[in-house]
Amino acid sequence: MIRVVVVDDQAVVRAGFHTILSAQPDIDVVGEAADGLEAMQVVTAEQPDVVLMDIRMPRLDGLEATRRMIGRGDAVRVLIMTTFDLDEYVYEALRAGASGFLLKDIGRDDLARAVRTVADGEALLAPTVTRRLIDSFVQRGPSALQETSRLASLTVREREVLECVARGMSNAEIAAELFVGEATVKSHVASVLLKLDVRSRVHAVIAAYELGVVQPGDGDAARRSSR
């Protein structure tokens, strides 16, 4: 059972997400919070697997709440919710340790699927904004991830897996692309995260672009060249 906490300052939004997710046989909404401070308390008490986190809230916003949760070592995965597909805080939220983000107008089936995806350790970036978000990361220049020694530490196969992850492929799709089993892909992904010293697949995607493994706009070309 996936344990979820819903955080949003609008009661009607919380109620809507609660209703949708509670109807799923494998998801249990164990708590709600109206702001970041309350979210910190609920997460401590309930130890959820996933937090649906709004960004703009009173007292403590979702960005700082995410930063504090990750900073104190909480094992929870934070899924950022935003109304606007170019929310200025999304970039910083991912930097703070969020596992992904989605738009609030997401359909009920897609919402449940998003929670399962994040709970399973997969990256989750809203398709309509993935490219622009990646471009934003790249344009912001060098970061701590840009250490060539980290890239050099990857094996040829691990680099291939990283390229696939950066193109938004699931473990099943990567397995089919590289003609290996899903268990092997999971092992390679875990090794890539460890060697790049990143927390999640989302951050591995960011690293891939910043390190030049893939370039903005060349996803289709990369797919063709790897076949």
Foldseek 3Di string as FASTA:
>chain_A
DFEEEEEALDPVLRVVLQVLQCVDPVYDDPYYYNALVVVLVSCVVPLGQEYEAEADGPPHGRQVSLLVCVVVPRNHAYEYEYQDLPPVCQLSSVVSPHQEYDYSVDDSVVSNVVSVCVSVQAHDYYVVRLLVSLVVLQVVDDDPLQDVVLVVPADPVLLLLLLCLLLVDDLVRSCVLVVHDSVVSVVSVVVSCVSSVHDGSVVSNSSCDNNVSDHRPCSVVSSVVSD
